[in-house]
Amino acid sequence: MSLFRKIFGKKETSGENIKGEERGKYMPEIKIPIDEKFTINFKANGGKFLYCENIDEIKKTLKEILNENEWEDKNVFLLDERLKDLFKEFNLKATRKTAESTYFLSTCEYLIADDGSLLISSNQIAEKKLKDLPPNFIIYATTSQFVENIGEGLRGIKNKNREKIPTNITTIKHFKALEDKDFLTYGSSSKNLYLLLLEDL
């Protein structure tokens, strides 16, 4: 046995014994795919995520949501004429009065992976505040709407609407009742939210 080993003790040098934290400090961060990151964060926020491969699945899933919640004969706050056309066979009782609506059916601008939120603007909610909208949301979106963060989403909105940038841009992040409110959640409006996500890539 060498003199150094006697003085300093035997030192393990095998790679198996190197602690994960020490190794991780110098290794690049493992990058989670954007869709997976969004799904994890969105579910952590309390959202209901429903992935659909085609438009028939979207319609079938929407029908199940309406049946499950007994919303078939309830008023829906609906501003988007394209959605009215897309789901015309449902004979939705569309209204533009939030007070009379049980749920809100809409699209969104982007799906933010970083925090699992949905970026919306006046294109979806006109000049309404989140707190004035119905407590139940059904959002129709596509996989091409995933972005890493809010900054990327805001750039996307600006690029898509060069003529007239929409106003009232906000995010929806809380999808369950907030039992313990603190200063971070002050003023946030919690919504019961279903996300119908169509694969379009």
N, C-alpha and C. Protein backbone atom coordinates (compact mmCIF):
# COMPACT_ATOMS: atom_id res chain seq x y z
N MET A 1 0.85 -1.18 0.00
CA MET A 1 0.00 0.00 0.00
C MET A 1 0.90 1.24 0.00
N SER A 2 0.55 2.23 -0.78
CA SER A 2 1.40 3.41 -0.87
C SER A 2 1.30 4.27 0.38
N LEU A 3 2.31 5.07 0.59
CA LEU A 3 2.38 5.96 1.74
C LEU A 3 1.22 6.95 1.76
N PHE A 4 0.84 7.48 0.58
CA PHE A 4 -0.26 8.44 0.50
C PHE A 4 -1.59 7.83 0.92
N ARG A 5 -1.80 6.57 0.55
CA ARG A 5 -3.05 5.90 0.92
C ARG A 5 -3.13 5.71 2.42
N LYS A 6 -1.97 5.42 3.04
CA LYS A 6 -1.94 5.24 4.50
C LYS A 6 -2.29 6.55 5.20
N ILE A 7 -1.75 7.67 4.68
CA ILE A 7 -1.97 8.97 5.33
C ILE A 7 -3.37 9.51 5.06
N PHE A 8 -3.76 9.51 3.78
CA PHE A 8 -5.02 10.15 3.40
C PHE A 8 -6.20 9.18 3.26
N GLY A 9 -5.96 7.92 3.39
CA GLY A 9 -7.04 6.94 3.24
C GLY A 9 -7.27 6.63 1.78
N LYS A 10 -7.93 5.50 1.54
CA LYS A 10 -8.18 5.06 0.17
C LYS A 10 -9.25 5.94 -0.47
N LYS A 11 -8.97 6.42 -1.68
CA LYS A 11 -9.93 7.28 -2.37
C LYS A 11 -10.53 6.52 -3.54
N GLU A 12 -11.87 6.47 -3.56
CA GLU A 12 -12.56 5.79 -4.65
C GLU A 12 -12.55 6.70 -5.88
N THR A 13 -12.15 6.12 -7.00
CA THR A 13 -12.12 6.94 -8.21
C THR A 13 -13.07 6.41 -9.28
N SER A 14 -13.79 5.35 -8.97
CA SER A 14 -14.68 4.81 -10.01
C SER A 14 -15.83 5.77 -10.26
N GLY A 15 -16.25 5.86 -11.51
CA GLY A 15 -17.31 6.78 -11.93
C GLY A 15 -18.62 6.52 -11.23
N GLU A 16 -18.85 5.28 -10.79
CA GLU A 16 -20.12 4.94 -10.14
C GLU A 16 -20.29 5.66 -8.81
N ASN A 17 -19.21 6.00 -8.17
CA ASN A 17 -19.29 6.62 -6.86
C ASN A 17 -19.30 8.15 -6.89
N ILE A 18 -19.24 8.73 -8.07
CA ILE A 18 -19.32 10.18 -8.16
C ILE A 18 -20.77 10.58 -7.94
N LYS A 19 -21.01 11.51 -7.06
CA LYS A 19 -22.37 11.92 -6.74
C LYS A 19 -23.02 12.60 -7.94
N GLY A 20 -24.31 12.40 -8.07
CA GLY A 20 -25.08 12.98 -9.18
C GLY A 20 -24.98 14.49 -9.22
N GLU A 21 -24.99 15.13 -8.02
CA GLU A 21 -24.96 16.59 -8.00
C GLU A 21 -23.65 17.12 -8.55
N GLU A 22 -22.53 16.44 -8.18
CA GLU A 22 -21.22 16.87 -8.64
C GLU A 22 -21.12 16.73 -10.16
N ARG A 23 -21.64 15.62 -10.64
CA ARG A 23 -21.59 15.37 -12.07
C ARG A 23 -22.51 16.34 -12.81
N GLY A 24 -23.67 16.57 -12.25
CA GLY A 24 -24.67 17.41 -12.90
C GLY A 24 -24.27 18.86 -13.02
N LYS A 25 -23.37 19.29 -12.13
CA LYS A 25 -22.96 20.69 -12.11
C LYS A 25 -22.31 21.11 -13.43
N TYR A 26 -21.62 20.17 -14.07
CA TYR A 26 -20.88 20.50 -15.29
C TYR A 26 -21.53 19.94 -16.56
N MET A 27 -22.57 19.18 -16.37
CA MET A 27 -23.25 18.58 -17.52
C MET A 27 -24.32 19.53 -18.04
N PRO A 28 -24.59 19.50 -19.34
CA PRO A 28 -25.68 20.36 -19.85
C PRO A 28 -27.02 19.88 -19.29
N GLU A 29 -27.92 20.84 -19.11
CA GLU A 29 -29.24 20.52 -18.57
C GLU A 29 -29.99 19.64 -19.56
N ILE A 30 -30.66 18.63 -19.02
CA ILE A 30 -31.45 17.75 -19.89
C ILE A 30 -32.65 18.54 -20.37
N LYS A 31 -32.81 18.65 -21.70
CA LYS A 31 -33.89 19.44 -22.28
C LYS A 31 -35.11 18.56 -22.51
N ILE A 32 -36.19 18.91 -21.82
CA ILE A 32 -37.46 18.18 -21.99
C ILE A 32 -38.13 18.73 -23.24
N PRO A 33 -38.72 17.87 -24.08
CA PRO A 33 -39.44 18.36 -25.26
C PRO A 33 -40.52 19.37 -24.85
N ILE A 34 -40.74 20.36 -25.69
CA ILE A 34 -41.63 21.47 -25.37
C ILE A 34 -43.06 21.02 -25.03
N ASP A 35 -43.57 20.03 -25.78
CA ASP A 35 -44.94 19.55 -25.54
C ASP A 35 -45.04 18.84 -24.19
N GLU A 36 -44.00 18.08 -23.86
CA GLU A 36 -43.98 17.37 -22.58
C GLU A 36 -43.89 18.35 -21.41
N LYS A 37 -43.04 19.38 -21.57
CA LYS A 37 -42.89 20.39 -20.52
C LYS A 37 -44.22 21.11 -20.28
N PHE A 38 -44.89 21.48 -21.39
CA PHE A 38 -46.19 22.15 -21.26
C PHE A 38 -47.19 21.26 -20.52
N THR A 39 -47.27 20.00 -20.93
CA THR A 39 -48.23 19.07 -20.34
C THR A 39 -48.02 18.92 -18.83
N ILE A 40 -46.77 18.77 -18.43
CA ILE A 40 -46.44 18.62 -17.00
C ILE A 40 -46.89 19.86 -16.22
N ASN A 41 -46.53 21.05 -16.72
CA ASN A 41 -46.86 22.29 -16.03
C ASN A 41 -48.35 22.60 -16.07
N PHE A 42 -48.98 22.31 -17.20
CA PHE A 42 -50.42 22.56 -17.35
C PHE A 42 -51.22 21.71 -16.37
N LYS A 43 -50.85 20.43 -16.27
CA LYS A 43 -51.55 19.55 -15.32
C LYS A 43 -51.28 19.96 -13.88
N ALA A 44 -50.06 20.41 -13.60
CA ALA A 44 -49.73 20.89 -12.25
C ALA A 44 -50.57 22.11 -11.88
N ASN A 45 -50.96 22.89 -12.88
CA ASN A 45 -51.82 24.06 -12.65
C ASN A 45 -53.29 23.66 -12.46
N GLY A 46 -53.60 22.38 -12.70
CA GLY A 46 -54.97 21.90 -12.52
C GLY A 46 -55.79 21.80 -13.78
N GLY A 47 -55.15 21.96 -14.95
CA GLY A 47 -55.87 21.88 -16.22
C GLY A 47 -56.18 20.46 -16.65
N LYS A 48 -57.21 20.33 -17.48
CA LYS A 48 -57.59 19.02 -18.02
C LYS A 48 -57.15 18.99 -19.48
N PHE A 49 -56.21 18.11 -19.77
CA PHE A 49 -55.54 18.05 -21.07
C PHE A 49 -56.12 16.91 -21.89
N LEU A 50 -56.64 17.21 -23.08
CA LEU A 50 -57.26 16.19 -23.93
C LEU A 50 -56.64 16.25 -25.33
N TYR A 51 -55.77 15.28 -25.60
CA TYR A 51 -55.05 15.25 -26.88
C TYR A 51 -55.90 14.53 -27.93
N CYS A 52 -56.02 15.12 -29.12
CA CYS A 52 -56.82 14.53 -30.21
C CYS A 52 -56.00 14.51 -31.50
N GLU A 53 -56.09 13.41 -32.23
CA GLU A 53 -55.31 13.26 -33.46
C GLU A 53 -55.97 13.90 -34.68
N ASN A 54 -57.29 14.06 -34.65
CA ASN A 54 -57.99 14.66 -35.79
C ASN A 54 -59.23 15.40 -35.32
N ILE A 55 -59.90 16.07 -36.26
CA ILE A 55 -61.03 16.91 -35.90
C ILE A 55 -62.22 16.08 -35.42
N ASP A 56 -62.35 14.85 -35.90
CA ASP A 56 -63.44 13.98 -35.43
C ASP A 56 -63.28 13.67 -33.94
N GLU A 57 -62.02 13.44 -33.52
CA GLU A 57 -61.75 13.21 -32.10
C GLU A 57 -62.04 14.45 -31.26
N ILE A 58 -61.74 15.62 -31.83
CA ILE A 58 -62.04 16.89 -31.14
C ILE A 58 -63.54 16.98 -30.88
N LYS A 59 -64.33 16.70 -31.90
CA LYS A 59 -65.79 16.81 -31.78
C LYS A 59 -66.34 15.78 -30.80
N LYS A 60 -65.80 14.58 -30.86
CA LYS A 60 -66.25 13.52 -29.95
C LYS A 60 -65.92 13.90 -28.49
N THR A 61 -64.73 14.43 -28.29
CA THR A 61 -64.29 14.82 -26.94
C THR A 61 -65.12 16.00 -26.42
N LEU A 62 -65.41 16.96 -27.29
CA LEU A 62 -66.25 18.09 -26.89
C LEU A 62 -67.63 17.60 -26.46
N LYS A 63 -68.17 16.66 -27.22
CA LYS A 63 -69.49 16.11 -26.88
C LYS A 63 -69.47 15.46 -25.50
N GLU A 64 -68.39 14.72 -25.21
CA GLU A 64 -68.25 14.06 -23.91
C GLU A 64 -68.15 15.08 -22.76
N ILE A 65 -67.43 16.18 -23.01
CA ILE A 65 -67.31 17.23 -21.98
C ILE A 65 -68.69 17.83 -21.69
N LEU A 66 -69.43 18.14 -22.76
CA LEU A 66 -70.75 18.74 -22.59
C LEU A 66 -71.71 17.78 -21.88
N ASN A 67 -71.63 16.49 -22.23
CA ASN A 67 -72.49 15.48 -21.57
C ASN A 67 -72.14 15.34 -20.09
N GLU A 68 -70.85 15.20 -19.84
CA GLU A 68 -70.37 14.96 -18.48
C GLU A 68 -70.78 16.10 -17.52
N ASN A 69 -70.73 17.33 -18.03
CA ASN A 69 -71.05 18.49 -17.20
C ASN A 69 -72.50 18.96 -17.32
N GLU A 70 -73.26 18.27 -18.20
CA GLU A 70 -74.66 18.65 -18.47
C GLU A 70 -74.76 20.10 -18.96
N TRP A 71 -73.92 20.40 -19.97
CA TRP A 71 -73.89 21.75 -20.54
C TRP A 71 -74.56 21.82 -21.90
N GLU A 72 -75.16 20.72 -22.38
CA GLU A 72 -75.72 20.70 -23.74
C GLU A 72 -76.72 21.83 -23.97
N ASP A 73 -77.55 22.10 -22.96
CA ASP A 73 -78.59 23.13 -23.11
C ASP A 73 -78.23 24.44 -22.45
N LYS A 74 -76.99 24.57 -22.03
CA LYS A 74 -76.55 25.80 -21.34
C LYS A 74 -75.99 26.81 -22.34
N ASN A 75 -76.05 28.07 -21.98
CA ASN A 75 -75.49 29.12 -22.82
C ASN A 75 -73.97 29.07 -22.81
N VAL A 76 -73.39 29.31 -23.98
CA VAL A 76 -71.94 29.34 -24.10
C VAL A 76 -71.52 30.74 -24.56
N PHE A 77 -70.54 31.30 -23.87
CA PHE A 77 -69.98 32.58 -24.30
C PHE A 77 -69.03 32.28 -25.45
N LEU A 78 -69.40 32.74 -26.65
CA LEU A 78 -68.66 32.38 -27.86
C LEU A 78 -68.54 33.59 -28.77
N LEU A 79 -67.31 34.04 -28.98
CA LEU A 79 -67.05 35.20 -29.82
C LEU A 79 -66.51 34.81 -31.19
N ASP A 80 -65.90 33.64 -31.30
CA ASP A 80 -65.20 33.22 -32.51
C ASP A 80 -66.15 32.52 -33.49
N GLU A 81 -66.42 33.20 -34.59
CA GLU A 81 -67.35 32.65 -35.61
C GLU A 81 -66.81 31.36 -36.22
N ARG A 82 -65.49 31.22 -36.30
CA ARG A 82 -64.91 30.00 -36.87
C ARG A 82 -65.26 28.78 -36.03
N LEU A 83 -65.27 28.95 -34.70
CA LEU A 83 -65.63 27.83 -33.81
C LEU A 83 -67.12 27.52 -33.93
N LYS A 84 -67.93 28.56 -34.11
CA LYS A 84 -69.36 28.36 -34.29
C LYS A 84 -69.60 27.48 -35.53
N ASP A 85 -68.86 27.76 -36.61
CA ASP A 85 -68.97 26.97 -37.85
C ASP A 85 -68.43 25.56 -37.66
N LEU A 86 -67.30 25.45 -36.99
CA LEU A 86 -66.65 24.15 -36.79
C LEU A 86 -67.55 23.19 -36.01
N PHE A 87 -68.25 23.72 -35.02
CA PHE A 87 -69.10 22.88 -34.16
C PHE A 87 -70.59 23.12 -34.40
N LYS A 88 -70.95 23.45 -35.66
CA LYS A 88 -72.35 23.80 -35.94
C LYS A 88 -73.34 22.68 -35.66
N GLU A 89 -72.91 21.41 -35.79
CA GLU A 89 -73.83 20.29 -35.53
C GLU A 89 -74.22 20.16 -34.06
N PHE A 90 -73.49 20.88 -33.18
CA PHE A 90 -73.80 20.83 -31.76
C PHE A 90 -74.96 21.76 -31.37
N ASN A 91 -75.34 22.64 -32.32
CA ASN A 91 -76.40 23.63 -32.04
C ASN A 91 -76.15 24.35 -30.71
N LEU A 92 -74.96 24.87 -30.59
CA LEU A 92 -74.56 25.55 -29.36
C LEU A 92 -75.42 26.80 -29.13
N LYS A 93 -75.78 27.01 -27.89
CA LYS A 93 -76.57 28.20 -27.52
C LYS A 93 -75.61 29.35 -27.24
N ALA A 94 -75.08 29.90 -28.34
CA ALA A 94 -74.05 30.93 -28.23
C ALA A 94 -74.64 32.27 -27.83
N THR A 95 -73.92 32.97 -26.96
CA THR A 95 -74.30 34.31 -26.54
C THR A 95 -73.04 35.15 -26.36
N ARG A 96 -73.23 36.46 -26.41
CA ARG A 96 -72.10 37.37 -26.16
C ARG A 96 -72.23 38.02 -24.79
N LYS A 97 -73.10 37.48 -23.96
CA LYS A 97 -73.30 38.01 -22.61
C LYS A 97 -72.69 37.03 -21.61
N THR A 98 -71.65 37.47 -20.95
CA THR A 98 -70.94 36.58 -20.02
C THR A 98 -71.79 36.18 -18.82
N ALA A 99 -72.62 37.08 -18.34
CA ALA A 99 -73.42 36.80 -17.14
C ALA A 99 -74.41 35.66 -17.36
N GLU A 100 -74.82 35.45 -18.60
CA GLU A 100 -75.80 34.41 -18.91
C GLU A 100 -75.15 33.08 -19.32
N SER A 101 -73.81 33.04 -19.34
CA SER A 101 -73.10 31.87 -19.87
C SER A 101 -72.60 30.95 -18.78
N THR A 102 -72.68 29.64 -19.07
CA THR A 102 -72.14 28.63 -18.15
C THR A 102 -70.68 28.35 -18.44
N TYR A 103 -70.31 28.39 -19.74
CA TYR A 103 -68.92 28.12 -20.11
C TYR A 103 -68.52 29.00 -21.29
N PHE A 104 -67.21 29.06 -21.49
CA PHE A 104 -66.60 29.87 -22.54
C PHE A 104 -65.87 28.94 -23.50
N LEU A 105 -66.21 29.02 -24.79
CA LEU A 105 -65.55 28.20 -25.81
C LEU A 105 -64.71 29.13 -26.67
N SER A 106 -63.41 28.83 -26.78
CA SER A 106 -62.51 29.75 -27.47
C SER A 106 -61.26 29.05 -27.97
N THR A 107 -60.48 29.80 -28.73
CA THR A 107 -59.12 29.40 -29.10
C THR A 107 -58.19 30.14 -28.15
N CYS A 108 -56.89 30.07 -28.39
CA CYS A 108 -55.92 30.88 -27.65
C CYS A 108 -54.83 31.28 -28.61
N GLU A 109 -53.95 32.16 -28.18
CA GLU A 109 -52.84 32.59 -29.04
C GLU A 109 -51.72 31.55 -29.03
N TYR A 110 -51.25 31.22 -27.81
CA TYR A 110 -50.14 30.27 -27.67
C TYR A 110 -50.26 29.46 -26.39
N LEU A 111 -49.57 28.32 -26.37
CA LEU A 111 -49.47 27.46 -25.19
C LEU A 111 -48.05 27.62 -24.66
N ILE A 112 -47.91 28.14 -23.44
CA ILE A 112 -46.61 28.47 -22.88
C ILE A 112 -46.05 27.30 -22.07
N ALA A 113 -44.97 26.70 -22.57
CA ALA A 113 -44.40 25.50 -21.95
C ALA A 113 -43.80 25.77 -20.57
N ASP A 114 -43.11 26.91 -20.41
CA ASP A 114 -42.41 27.24 -19.16
C ASP A 114 -43.25 27.13 -17.90
N ASP A 115 -44.51 27.61 -18.00
CA ASP A 115 -45.36 27.60 -16.81
C ASP A 115 -46.72 26.94 -17.03
N GLY A 116 -46.92 26.33 -18.20
CA GLY A 116 -48.18 25.63 -18.46
C GLY A 116 -49.38 26.55 -18.57
N SER A 117 -49.15 27.79 -19.00
CA SER A 117 -50.26 28.74 -19.12
C SER A 117 -50.71 28.90 -20.57
N LEU A 118 -51.83 29.57 -20.76
CA LEU A 118 -52.36 29.85 -22.09
C LEU A 118 -52.34 31.35 -22.31
N LEU A 119 -51.78 31.76 -23.44
CA LEU A 119 -51.70 33.18 -23.78
C LEU A 119 -52.90 33.54 -24.63
N ILE A 120 -53.68 34.52 -24.17
CA ILE A 120 -54.86 34.95 -24.92
C ILE A 120 -54.82 36.47 -25.09
N SER A 121 -55.67 36.96 -25.99
CA SER A 121 -55.68 38.40 -26.26
C SER A 121 -57.10 38.83 -26.60
N SER A 122 -57.23 40.07 -27.06
CA SER A 122 -58.54 40.59 -27.46
C SER A 122 -59.10 39.81 -28.64
N ASN A 123 -58.26 39.06 -29.36
CA ASN A 123 -58.77 38.19 -30.43
C ASN A 123 -59.72 37.13 -29.88
N GLN A 124 -59.52 36.73 -28.63
CA GLN A 124 -60.36 35.71 -28.01
C GLN A 124 -61.39 36.29 -27.04
N ILE A 125 -60.99 37.28 -26.27
CA ILE A 125 -61.87 37.74 -25.18
C ILE A 125 -62.32 39.19 -25.34
N ALA A 126 -62.07 39.79 -26.50
CA ALA A 126 -62.39 41.20 -26.74
C ALA A 126 -61.73 42.03 -25.63
N GLU A 127 -62.49 42.88 -24.97
CA GLU A 127 -61.91 43.70 -23.90
C GLU A 127 -62.35 43.24 -22.51
N LYS A 128 -62.85 42.01 -22.43
CA LYS A 128 -63.32 41.46 -21.14
C LYS A 128 -62.14 41.15 -20.23
N LYS A 129 -62.37 41.25 -18.94
CA LYS A 129 -61.37 40.83 -17.95
C LYS A 129 -61.63 39.36 -17.65
N LEU A 130 -60.57 38.63 -17.27
CA LEU A 130 -60.71 37.20 -16.96
C LEU A 130 -61.77 36.95 -15.90
N LYS A 131 -61.80 37.79 -14.88
CA LYS A 131 -62.73 37.58 -13.77
C LYS A 131 -64.19 37.72 -14.21
N ASP A 132 -64.43 38.42 -15.33
CA ASP A 132 -65.80 38.61 -15.82
C ASP A 132 -66.27 37.46 -16.71
N LEU A 133 -65.36 36.59 -17.11
CA LEU A 133 -65.71 35.47 -17.98
C LEU A 133 -66.29 34.32 -17.17
N PRO A 134 -67.04 33.41 -17.83
CA PRO A 134 -67.62 32.26 -17.11
C PRO A 134 -66.54 31.45 -16.39
N PRO A 135 -66.91 30.69 -15.35
CA PRO A 135 -65.92 29.94 -14.58
C PRO A 135 -65.36 28.72 -15.32
N ASN A 136 -66.05 28.28 -16.37
CA ASN A 136 -65.64 27.08 -17.11
C ASN A 136 -65.17 27.46 -18.51
N PHE A 137 -63.98 26.96 -18.87
CA PHE A 137 -63.39 27.24 -20.19
C PHE A 137 -63.21 25.92 -20.96
N ILE A 138 -63.50 25.97 -22.25
CA ILE A 138 -63.09 24.90 -23.17
C ILE A 138 -62.26 25.60 -24.24
N ILE A 139 -60.98 25.29 -24.29
CA ILE A 139 -60.07 25.95 -25.23
C ILE A 139 -59.64 24.95 -26.31
N TYR A 140 -59.80 25.37 -27.55
CA TYR A 140 -59.38 24.56 -28.70
C TYR A 140 -58.05 25.12 -29.21
N ALA A 141 -57.02 24.26 -29.24
CA ALA A 141 -55.69 24.70 -29.68
C ALA A 141 -55.04 23.59 -30.50
N THR A 142 -53.91 23.91 -31.11
CA THR A 142 -53.18 22.94 -31.93
C THR A 142 -51.73 22.83 -31.44
N THR A 143 -51.08 21.73 -31.81
CA THR A 143 -49.71 21.50 -31.35
C THR A 143 -48.72 22.51 -31.93
N SER A 144 -49.08 23.19 -33.02
CA SER A 144 -48.18 24.20 -33.60
C SER A 144 -48.18 25.49 -32.76
N GLN A 145 -49.01 25.57 -31.73
CA GLN A 145 -49.08 26.76 -30.89
C GLN A 145 -48.18 26.70 -29.66
N PHE A 146 -47.40 25.63 -29.52
CA PHE A 146 -46.47 25.54 -28.38
C PHE A 146 -45.33 26.53 -28.55
N VAL A 147 -45.03 27.27 -27.48
CA VAL A 147 -43.82 28.11 -27.43
C VAL A 147 -43.17 27.90 -26.08
N GLU A 148 -41.87 28.21 -25.98
CA GLU A 148 -41.13 28.00 -24.73
C GLU A 148 -41.59 28.92 -23.61
N ASN A 149 -41.73 30.22 -23.93
CA ASN A 149 -42.02 31.19 -22.87
C ASN A 149 -42.91 32.31 -23.38
N ILE A 150 -43.31 33.18 -22.47
CA ILE A 150 -44.22 34.28 -22.80
C ILE A 150 -43.59 35.23 -23.84
N GLY A 151 -42.29 35.50 -23.70
CA GLY A 151 -41.61 36.39 -24.64
C GLY A 151 -41.75 35.89 -26.08
N GLU A 152 -41.56 34.59 -26.25
CA GLU A 152 -41.69 33.99 -27.59
C GLU A 152 -43.13 34.12 -28.09
N GLY A 153 -44.09 33.94 -27.18
CA GLY A 153 -45.51 34.08 -27.54
C GLY A 153 -45.85 35.50 -27.95
N LEU A 154 -45.32 36.48 -27.22
CA LEU A 154 -45.59 37.89 -27.54
C LEU A 154 -45.00 38.27 -28.90
N ARG A 155 -43.80 37.74 -29.18
CA ARG A 155 -43.19 37.99 -30.51
C ARG A 155 -44.05 37.38 -31.61
N GLY A 156 -44.59 36.18 -31.32
CA GLY A 156 -45.46 35.51 -32.29
C GLY A 156 -46.72 36.31 -32.58
N ILE A 157 -47.32 36.87 -31.52
CA ILE A 157 -48.53 37.69 -31.69
C ILE A 157 -48.20 38.91 -32.55
N LYS A 158 -47.08 39.54 -32.26
CA LYS A 158 -46.67 40.74 -33.01
C LYS A 158 -46.44 40.40 -34.48
N ASN A 159 -45.77 39.27 -34.75
CA ASN A 159 -45.48 38.88 -36.13
C ASN A 159 -46.73 38.50 -36.92
N LYS A 160 -47.70 37.89 -36.23
CA LYS A 160 -48.94 37.46 -36.92
C LYS A 160 -49.87 38.63 -37.19
N ASN A 161 -49.75 39.69 -36.39
CA ASN A 161 -50.69 40.81 -36.47
C ASN A 161 -49.97 42.13 -36.72
N ARG A 162 -49.19 42.18 -37.78
CA ARG A 162 -48.38 43.37 -38.03
C ARG A 162 -49.23 44.61 -38.29
N GLU A 163 -50.38 44.43 -38.92
CA GLU A 163 -51.27 45.56 -39.23
C GLU A 163 -51.85 46.16 -37.95
N LYS A 164 -52.38 45.26 -37.09
CA LYS A 164 -53.02 45.73 -35.86
C LYS A 164 -52.75 44.73 -34.75
N ILE A 165 -51.88 45.10 -33.82
CA ILE A 165 -51.54 44.21 -32.70
C ILE A 165 -52.70 44.17 -31.73
N PRO A 166 -53.16 42.96 -31.34
CA PRO A 166 -54.29 42.88 -30.42
C PRO A 166 -53.94 43.45 -29.04
N THR A 167 -54.97 43.87 -28.35
CA THR A 167 -54.80 44.42 -27.01
C THR A 167 -55.24 43.36 -26.00
N ASN A 168 -55.32 43.75 -24.74
CA ASN A 168 -55.83 42.87 -23.67
C ASN A 168 -55.12 41.51 -23.65
N ILE A 169 -53.81 41.52 -23.81
CA ILE A 169 -53.02 40.27 -23.81
C ILE A 169 -52.79 39.84 -22.37
N THR A 170 -53.13 38.58 -22.08
CA THR A 170 -52.97 38.06 -20.72
C THR A 170 -52.76 36.55 -20.77
N THR A 171 -52.43 35.97 -19.63
CA THR A 171 -52.29 34.51 -19.57
C THR A 171 -53.31 33.95 -18.58
N ILE A 172 -53.76 32.74 -18.88
CA ILE A 172 -54.60 31.99 -17.94
C ILE A 172 -53.69 30.91 -17.38
N LYS A 173 -53.55 30.89 -16.05
CA LYS A 173 -52.59 29.95 -15.46
C LYS A 173 -53.20 29.06 -14.38
N HIS A 174 -54.21 29.53 -13.68
CA HIS A 174 -54.77 28.76 -12.57
C HIS A 174 -56.07 28.08 -13.01
N PHE A 175 -56.06 26.74 -12.94
CA PHE A 175 -57.21 25.98 -13.42
C PHE A 175 -57.88 25.17 -12.32
N LYS A 176 -57.70 25.61 -11.09
CA LYS A 176 -58.38 24.97 -9.97
C LYS A 176 -58.56 26.01 -8.88
N ALA A 177 -59.50 25.74 -7.99
CA ALA A 177 -59.75 26.71 -6.91
C ALA A 177 -58.51 26.88 -6.07
N LEU A 178 -58.17 28.12 -5.80
CA LEU A 178 -56.98 28.40 -4.99
C LEU A 178 -57.38 28.44 -3.53
N GLU A 179 -56.99 27.39 -2.80
CA GLU A 179 -57.35 27.33 -1.38
C GLU A 179 -56.50 28.30 -0.57
N ASP A 180 -55.19 28.26 -0.79
CA ASP A 180 -54.29 29.15 -0.05
C ASP A 180 -53.84 30.27 -0.97
N LYS A 181 -54.45 31.42 -0.81
CA LYS A 181 -54.08 32.55 -1.64
C LYS A 181 -52.92 33.31 -0.98
N ASP A 182 -51.94 33.65 -1.76
CA ASP A 182 -50.84 34.46 -1.25
C ASP A 182 -50.60 35.61 -2.22
N PHE A 183 -49.58 36.42 -1.97
CA PHE A 183 -49.38 37.59 -2.81
C PHE A 183 -49.05 37.23 -4.27
N LEU A 184 -48.54 36.00 -4.50
CA LEU A 184 -48.24 35.59 -5.88
C LEU A 184 -49.50 35.29 -6.68
N THR A 185 -50.57 34.89 -6.00
CA THR A 185 -51.80 34.55 -6.70
C THR A 185 -52.86 35.63 -6.56
N TYR A 186 -52.51 36.74 -5.89
CA TYR A 186 -53.46 37.82 -5.69
C TYR A 186 -53.92 38.37 -7.04
N GLY A 187 -55.23 38.51 -7.18
CA GLY A 187 -55.78 39.07 -8.42
C GLY A 187 -55.91 38.07 -9.54
N SER A 188 -55.44 36.82 -9.35
CA SER A 188 -55.56 35.82 -10.41
C SER A 188 -56.96 35.24 -10.39
N SER A 189 -57.41 34.85 -11.56
CA SER A 189 -58.76 34.33 -11.68
C SER A 189 -58.69 32.86 -12.06
N SER A 190 -59.10 31.99 -11.15
CA SER A 190 -59.01 30.55 -11.39
C SER A 190 -60.17 30.09 -12.26
N LYS A 191 -59.89 29.23 -13.24
CA LYS A 191 -60.91 28.73 -14.15
C LYS A 191 -60.84 27.21 -14.23
N ASN A 192 -62.00 26.59 -14.37
CA ASN A 192 -62.09 25.15 -14.63
C ASN A 192 -61.86 25.00 -16.13
N LEU A 193 -60.69 24.50 -16.53
CA LEU A 193 -60.32 24.57 -17.94
C LEU A 193 -60.05 23.21 -18.58
N TYR A 194 -60.68 23.01 -19.74
CA TYR A 194 -60.43 21.84 -20.59
C TYR A 194 -59.66 22.33 -21.81
N LEU A 195 -58.58 21.65 -22.15
CA LEU A 195 -57.82 21.99 -23.36
C LEU A 195 -57.98 20.86 -24.38
N LEU A 196 -58.62 21.19 -25.50
CA LEU A 196 -58.75 20.25 -26.62
C LEU A 196 -57.59 20.53 -27.55
N LEU A 197 -56.61 19.65 -27.58
CA LEU A 197 -55.40 19.88 -28.37
C LEU A 197 -55.38 19.00 -29.60
N LEU A 198 -55.36 19.63 -30.77
CA LEU A 198 -55.34 18.93 -32.05
C LEU A 198 -53.91 18.80 -32.56
N GLU A 199 -53.54 17.59 -32.95
CA GLU A 199 -52.22 17.35 -33.57
C GLU A 199 -52.25 17.92 -34.99
N ASP A 200 -51.41 18.92 -35.27
CA ASP A 200 -51.39 19.49 -36.61
C ASP A 200 -49.98 19.60 -37.18
N LEU A 201 -49.02 18.94 -36.55
CA LEU A 201 -47.63 18.99 -37.03
C LEU A 201 -47.23 17.68 -37.71
